[in-house]
Amino acid sequence: MATDTVLSILVLAAFALLIGAFVLWRRGGPKRQVTLMVILALVALANVAIWIIPDERGTAPVDQLSR
């Protein structure tokens, strides 16, 4: 149950980073910071995908934690 909470918070943080990067970009903020925020959000979403996408046997790594 705690893993689900952590993954949910990570997805929310990734979306917040994307929204923050967009707002910063629209205000003319530093392009490097905007780029880094987008990259961080993509890395966070990739980590969530690694944990929840099942392998060829049909089991996701997050499901193996409860065993």
PDB file of N, CA and C in Angstrom:
ATOM      1  N   MET A   1       0.826  -1.197   0.000  1.00  0.00           N
ATOM      2  CA  MET A   1       0.000   0.000   0.000  1.00  0.00           C
ATOM      3  C   MET A   1       0.865   1.255   0.000  1.00  0.00           C
ATOM      4  N   ALA A   2       1.963   1.274   0.710  1.00  0.00           N
ATOM      5  CA  ALA A   2       2.821   2.457   0.760  1.00  0.00           C
ATOM      6  C   ALA A   2       3.472   2.718  -0.589  1.00  0.00           C
ATOM      7  N   THR A   3       3.764   1.656  -1.338  1.00  0.00           N
ATOM      8  CA  THR A   3       4.374   1.827  -2.652  1.00  0.00           C
ATOM      9  C   THR A   3       3.418   2.536  -3.597  1.00  0.00           C
ATOM     10  N   ASP A   4       2.137   2.194  -3.521  1.00  0.00           N
ATOM     11  CA  ASP A   4       1.145   2.871  -4.358  1.00  0.00           C
ATOM     12  C   ASP A   4       1.097   4.361  -4.056  1.00  0.00           C
ATOM     13  N   THR A   5       1.207   4.700  -2.796  1.00  0.00           N
ATOM     14  CA  THR A   5       1.196   6.109  -2.391  1.00  0.00           C
ATOM     15  C   THR A   5       2.411   6.845  -2.934  1.00  0.00           C
ATOM     16  N   VAL A   6       3.565   6.216  -2.836  1.00  0.00           N
ATOM     17  CA  VAL A   6       4.801   6.836  -3.324  1.00  0.00           C
ATOM     18  C   VAL A   6       4.733   7.044  -4.837  1.00  0.00           C
ATOM     19  N   LEU A   7       4.254   6.038  -5.562  1.00  0.00           N
ATOM     20  CA  LEU A   7       4.142   6.168  -7.015  1.00  0.00           C
ATOM     21  C   LEU A   7       3.131   7.256  -7.398  1.00  0.00           C
ATOM     22  N   SER A   8       2.041   7.351  -6.651  1.00  0.00           N
ATOM     23  CA  SER A   8       1.045   8.397  -6.923  1.00  0.00           C
ATOM     24  C   SER A   8       1.627   9.786  -6.691  1.00  0.00           C
ATOM     25  N   ILE A   9       2.362   9.946  -5.609  1.00  0.00           N
ATOM     26  CA  ILE A   9       2.990  11.241  -5.320  1.00  0.00           C
ATOM     27  C   ILE A   9       4.022  11.584  -6.384  1.00  0.00           C
ATOM     28  N   LEU A  10       4.749  10.581  -6.865  1.00  0.00           N
ATOM     29  CA  LEU A  10       5.743  10.804  -7.899  1.00  0.00           C
ATOM     30  C   LEU A  10       5.102  11.269  -9.206  1.00  0.00           C
ATOM     31  N   VAL A  11       3.966  10.696  -9.559  1.00  0.00           N
ATOM     32  CA  VAL A  11       3.255  11.129 -10.766  1.00  0.00           C
ATOM     33  C   VAL A  11       2.741  12.556 -10.593  1.00  0.00           C
ATOM     34  N   LEU A  12       2.185  12.856  -9.425  1.00  0.00           N
ATOM     35  CA  LEU A  12       1.707  14.223  -9.170  1.00  0.00           C
ATOM     36  C   LEU A  12       2.857  15.230  -9.217  1.00  0.00           C
ATOM     37  N   ALA A  13       4.012  14.851  -8.669  1.00  0.00           N
ATOM     38  CA  ALA A  13       5.178  15.733  -8.710  1.00  0.00           C
ATOM     39  C   ALA A  13       5.651  15.949 -10.145  1.00  0.00           C
ATOM     40  N   ALA A  14       5.593  14.910 -10.956  1.00  0.00           N
ATOM     41  CA  ALA A  14       6.002  15.042 -12.358  1.00  0.00           C
ATOM     42  C   ALA A  14       5.075  16.004 -13.099  1.00  0.00           C
ATOM     43  N   PHE A  15       3.777  15.882 -12.865  1.00  0.00           N
ATOM     44  CA  PHE A  15       2.844  16.811 -13.503  1.00  0.00           C
ATOM     45  C   PHE A  15       3.042  18.235 -12.998  1.00  0.00           C
ATOM     46  N   ALA A  16       3.324  18.383 -11.721  1.00  0.00           N
ATOM     47  CA  ALA A  16       3.589  19.711 -11.170  1.00  0.00           C
ATOM     48  C   ALA A  16       4.851  20.302 -11.793  1.00  0.00           C
ATOM     49  N   LEU A  17       5.860  19.479 -12.005  1.00  0.00           N
ATOM     50  CA  LEU A  17       7.080  19.959 -12.660  1.00  0.00           C
ATOM     51  C   LEU A  17       6.797  20.409 -14.088  1.00  0.00           C
ATOM     52  N   LEU A  18       5.986  19.645 -14.809  1.00  0.00           N
ATOM     53  CA  LEU A  18       5.660  20.022 -16.185  1.00  0.00           C
ATOM     54  C   LEU A  18       4.870  21.335 -16.229  1.00  0.00           C
ATOM     55  N   ILE A  19       3.922  21.479 -15.325  1.00  0.00           N
ATOM     56  CA  ILE A  19       3.135  22.723 -15.270  1.00  0.00           C
ATOM     57  C   ILE A  19       4.039  23.889 -14.876  1.00  0.00           C
ATOM     58  N   GLY A  20       4.896  23.665 -13.885  1.00  0.00           N
ATOM     59  CA  GLY A  20       5.824  24.716 -13.472  1.00  0.00           C
ATOM     60  C   GLY A  20       6.791  25.100 -14.571  1.00  0.00           C
ATOM     61  N   ALA A  21       7.259  24.123 -15.336  1.00  0.00           N
ATOM     62  CA  ALA A  21       8.158  24.414 -16.454  1.00  0.00           C
ATOM     63  C   ALA A  21       7.441  25.228 -17.522  1.00  0.00           C
ATOM     64  N   PHE A  22       6.182  24.900 -17.783  1.00  0.00           N
ATOM     65  CA  PHE A  22       5.416  25.648 -18.777  1.00  0.00           C
ATOM     66  C   PHE A  22       5.203  27.097 -18.339  1.00  0.00           C
ATOM     67  N   VAL A  23       4.839  27.263 -17.072  1.00  0.00           N
ATOM     68  CA  VAL A  23       4.621  28.621 -16.556  1.00  0.00           C
ATOM     69  C   VAL A  23       5.921  29.418 -16.594  1.00  0.00           C
ATOM     70  N   LEU A  24       7.014  28.794 -16.201  1.00  0.00           N
ATOM     71  CA  LEU A  24       8.314  29.474 -16.222  1.00  0.00           C
ATOM     72  C   LEU A  24       8.725  29.833 -17.641  1.00  0.00           C
ATOM     73  N   TRP A  25       8.461  28.942 -18.568  1.00  0.00           N
ATOM     74  CA  TRP A  25       8.783  29.197 -19.974  1.00  0.00           C
ATOM     75  C   TRP A  25       7.961  30.370 -20.514  1.00  0.00           C
ATOM     76  N   ARG A  26       6.659  30.412 -20.163  1.00  0.00           N
ATOM     77  CA  ARG A  26       5.794  31.507 -20.635  1.00  0.00           C
ATOM     78  C   ARG A  26       6.211  32.858 -20.053  1.00  0.00           C
ATOM     79  N   ARG A  27       6.770  32.850 -18.847  1.00  0.00           N
ATOM     80  CA  ARG A  27       7.213  34.093 -18.214  1.00  0.00           C
ATOM     81  C   ARG A  27       8.605  34.516 -18.671  1.00  0.00           C
ATOM     82  N   GLY A  28       9.228  33.706 -19.518  1.00  0.00           N
ATOM     83  CA  GLY A  28      10.555  34.052 -20.016  1.00  0.00           C
ATOM     84  C   GLY A  28      11.677  33.693 -19.061  1.00  0.00           C
ATOM     85  N   GLY A  29      11.454  32.669 -18.266  1.00  0.00           N
ATOM     86  CA  GLY A  29      12.470  32.238 -17.313  1.00  0.00           C
ATOM     87  C   GLY A  29      13.664  31.604 -18.015  1.00  0.00           C
ATOM     88  N   PRO A  30      14.666  31.245 -17.232  1.00  0.00           N
ATOM     89  CA  PRO A  30      15.874  30.645 -17.813  1.00  0.00           C
ATOM     90  C   PRO A  30      15.549  29.325 -18.526  1.00  0.00           C
ATOM     91  N   LYS A  31      15.951  29.233 -19.786  1.00  0.00           N
ATOM     92  CA  LYS A  31      15.633  28.054 -20.587  1.00  0.00           C
ATOM     93  C   LYS A  31      16.282  26.791 -20.025  1.00  0.00           C
ATOM     94  N   ARG A  32      17.444  26.950 -19.410  1.00  0.00           N
ATOM     95  CA  ARG A  32      18.125  25.791 -18.837  1.00  0.00           C
ATOM     96  C   ARG A  32      17.297  25.182 -17.702  1.00  0.00           C
ATOM     97  N   GLN A  33      16.737  26.028 -16.860  1.00  0.00           N
ATOM     98  CA  GLN A  33      15.923  25.549 -15.751  1.00  0.00           C
ATOM     99  C   GLN A  33      14.640  24.884 -16.259  1.00  0.00           C
ATOM    100  N   VAL A  34      14.035  25.458 -17.287  1.00  0.00           N
ATOM    101  CA  VAL A  34      12.834  24.869 -17.878  1.00  0.00           C
ATOM    102  C   VAL A  34      13.159  23.490 -18.440  1.00  0.00           C
ATOM    103  N   THR A  35      14.277  23.390 -19.156  1.00  0.00           N
ATOM    104  CA  THR A  35      14.682  22.116 -19.737  1.00  0.00           C
ATOM    105  C   THR A  35      14.950  21.076 -18.659  1.00  0.00           C
ATOM    106  N   LEU A  36      15.635  21.467 -17.606  1.00  0.00           N
ATOM    107  CA  LEU A  36      15.928  20.533 -16.529  1.00  0.00           C
ATOM    108  C   LEU A  36      14.660  20.068 -15.819  1.00  0.00           C
ATOM    109  N   MET A  37      13.682  20.950 -15.665  1.00  0.00           N
ATOM    110  CA  MET A  37      12.422  20.561 -15.042  1.00  0.00           C
ATOM    111  C   MET A  37      11.675  19.538 -15.899  1.00  0.00           C
ATOM    112  N   VAL A  38      11.689  19.742 -17.214  1.00  0.00           N
ATOM    113  CA  VAL A  38      11.030  18.798 -18.115  1.00  0.00           C
ATOM    114  C   VAL A  38      11.747  17.453 -18.085  1.00  0.00           C
ATOM    115  N   ILE A  39      13.081  17.475 -18.104  1.00  0.00           N
ATOM    116  CA  ILE A  39      13.848  16.228 -18.054  1.00  0.00           C
ATOM    117  C   ILE A  39      13.579  15.492 -16.750  1.00  0.00           C
ATOM    118  N   LEU A  40      13.538  16.199 -15.636  1.00  0.00           N
ATOM    119  CA  LEU A  40      13.263  15.567 -14.341  1.00  0.00           C
ATOM    120  C   LEU A  40      11.873  14.940 -14.323  1.00  0.00           C
ATOM    121  N   ALA A  41      10.894  15.621 -14.894  1.00  0.00           N
ATOM    122  CA  ALA A  41       9.542  15.070 -14.951  1.00  0.00           C
ATOM    123  C   ALA A  41       9.516  13.805 -15.804  1.00  0.00           C
ATOM    124  N   LEU A  42      10.227  13.807 -16.927  1.00  0.00           N
ATOM    125  CA  LEU A  42      10.265  12.620 -17.780  1.00  0.00           C
ATOM    126  C   LEU A  42      10.966  11.450 -17.094  1.00  0.00           C
ATOM    127  N   VAL A  43      12.021  11.730 -16.360  1.00  0.00           N
ATOM    128  CA  VAL A  43      12.717  10.672 -15.624  1.00  0.00           C
ATOM    129  C   VAL A  43      11.801  10.098 -14.544  1.00  0.00           C
ATOM    130  N   ALA A  44      11.076  10.950 -13.853  1.00  0.00           N
ATOM    131  CA  ALA A  44      10.155  10.483 -12.809  1.00  0.00           C
ATOM    132  C   ALA A  44       9.062   9.598 -13.412  1.00  0.00           C
ATOM    133  N   LEU A  45       8.496  10.018 -14.544  1.00  0.00           N
ATOM    134  CA  LEU A  45       7.460   9.218 -15.187  1.00  0.00           C
ATOM    135  C   LEU A  45       8.019   7.901 -15.732  1.00  0.00           C
ATOM    136  N   ALA A  46       9.256   7.928 -16.213  1.00  0.00           N
ATOM    137  CA  ALA A  46       9.893   6.689 -16.679  1.00  0.00           C
ATOM    138  C   ALA A  46      10.095   5.722 -15.510  1.00  0.00           C
ATOM    139  N   ASN A  47      10.467   6.233 -14.359  1.00  0.00           N
ATOM    140  CA  ASN A  47      10.626   5.373 -13.181  1.00  0.00           C
ATOM    141  C   ASN A  47       9.300   4.747 -12.763  1.00  0.00           C
ATOM    142  N   VAL A  48       8.240   5.512 -12.803  1.00  0.00           N
ATOM    143  CA  VAL A  48       6.924   4.960 -12.478  1.00  0.00           C
ATOM    144  C   VAL A  48       6.550   3.885 -13.495  1.00  0.00           C
ATOM    145  N   ALA A  49       6.819   4.149 -14.772  1.00  0.00           N
ATOM    146  CA  ALA A  49       6.504   3.160 -15.805  1.00  0.00           C
ATOM    147  C   ALA A  49       7.288   1.872 -15.597  1.00  0.00           C
ATOM    148  N   ILE A  50       8.544   1.977 -15.220  1.00  0.00           N
ATOM    149  CA  ILE A  50       9.351   0.785 -14.961  1.00  0.00           C
ATOM    150  C   ILE A  50       8.729  -0.053 -13.856  1.00  0.00           C
ATOM    151  N   TRP A  51       8.179   0.599 -12.848  1.00  0.00           N
ATOM    152  CA  TRP A  51       7.604  -0.137 -11.719  1.00  0.00           C
ATOM    153  C   TRP A  51       6.241  -0.743 -12.027  1.00  0.00           C
ATOM    154  N   ILE A  52       5.456  -0.117 -12.904  1.00  0.00           N
ATOM    155  CA  ILE A  52       4.074  -0.591 -13.067  1.00  0.00           C
ATOM    156  C   ILE A  52       3.819  -1.376 -14.347  1.00  0.00           C
ATOM    157  N   ILE A  53       4.696  -1.296 -15.351  1.00  0.00           N
ATOM    158  CA  ILE A  53       4.471  -2.030 -16.596  1.00  0.00           C
ATOM    159  C   ILE A  53       4.891  -3.489 -16.398  1.00  0.00           C
ATOM    160  N   PRO A  54       3.993  -4.412 -16.697  1.00  0.00           N
ATOM    161  CA  PRO A  54       4.311  -5.820 -16.486  1.00  0.00           C
ATOM    162  C   PRO A  54       5.344  -6.344 -17.492  1.00  0.00           C
ATOM    163  N   ASP A  55       6.054  -7.393 -17.083  1.00  0.00           N
ATOM    164  CA  ASP A  55       7.032  -8.019 -17.970  1.00  0.00           C
ATOM    165  C   ASP A  55       6.340  -9.070 -18.840  1.00  0.00           C
ATOM    166  N   GLU A  56       7.132  -9.890 -19.525  1.00  0.00           N
ATOM    167  CA  GLU A  56       6.550 -10.885 -20.431  1.00  0.00           C
ATOM    168  C   GLU A  56       5.746 -11.959 -19.692  1.00  0.00           C
ATOM    169  N   ARG A  57       5.978 -12.153 -18.421  1.00  0.00           N
ATOM    170  CA  ARG A  57       5.196 -13.109 -17.632  1.00  0.00           C
ATOM    171  C   ARG A  57       3.900 -12.493 -17.105  1.00  0.00           C
ATOM    172  N   GLY A  58       3.749 -11.194 -17.254  1.00  0.00           N
ATOM    173  CA  GLY A  58       2.527 -10.528 -16.810  1.00  0.00           C
ATOM    174  C   GLY A  58       2.564 -10.011 -15.394  1.00  0.00           C
ATOM    175  N   THR A  59       3.746  -9.987 -14.786  1.00  0.00           N
ATOM    176  CA  THR A  59       3.851  -9.460 -13.422  1.00  0.00           C
ATOM    177  C   THR A  59       4.674  -8.180 -13.421  1.00  0.00           C
ATOM    178  N   ALA A  60       4.167  -7.193 -12.755  1.00  0.00           N
ATOM    179  CA  ALA A  60       4.859  -5.919 -12.634  1.00  0.00           C
ATOM    180  C   ALA A  60       5.772  -5.961 -11.402  1.00  0.00           C
ATOM    181  N   PRO A  61       6.877  -5.232 -11.424  1.00  0.00           N
ATOM    182  CA  PRO A  61       7.757  -5.213 -10.236  1.00  0.00           C
ATOM    183  C   PRO A  61       7.047  -4.764  -8.970  1.00  0.00           C
ATOM    184  N   VAL A  62       6.101  -3.866  -9.096  1.00  0.00           N
ATOM    185  CA  VAL A  62       5.389  -3.398  -7.908  1.00  0.00           C
ATOM    186  C   VAL A  62       4.539  -4.529  -7.310  1.00  0.00           C
ATOM    187  N   ASP A  63       4.070  -5.445  -8.144  1.00  0.00           N
ATOM    188  CA  ASP A  63       3.284  -6.575  -7.644  1.00  0.00           C
ATOM    189  C   ASP A  63       4.169  -7.577  -6.903  1.00  0.00           C
ATOM    190  N   GLN A  64       5.430  -7.648  -7.253  1.00  0.00           N
ATOM    191  CA  GLN A  64       6.341  -8.597  -6.621  1.00  0.00           C
ATOM    192  C   GLN A  64       6.745  -8.140  -5.215  1.00  0.00           C
ATOM    193  N   LEU A  65       6.543  -6.888  -4.890  1.00  0.00           N
ATOM    194  CA  LEU A  65       6.893  -6.396  -3.560  1.00  0.00           C
ATOM    195  C   LEU A  65       5.994  -6.965  -2.477  1.00  0.00           C
ATOM    196  N   SER A  66       4.766  -7.266  -2.815  1.00  0.00           N
ATOM    197  CA  SER A  66       3.806  -7.731  -1.811  1.00  0.00           C
ATOM    198  C   SER A  66       3.980  -9.208  -1.464  1.00  0.00           C
ATOM    199  N   ARG A  67       4.818  -9.895  -2.192  1.00  0.00           N
ATOM    200  CA  ARG A  67       5.029 -11.332  -1.916  1.00  0.00           C
ATOM    201  C   ARG A  67       5.934 -11.571  -0.765  1.00  0.00           C
TER     202      ARG A  67
END
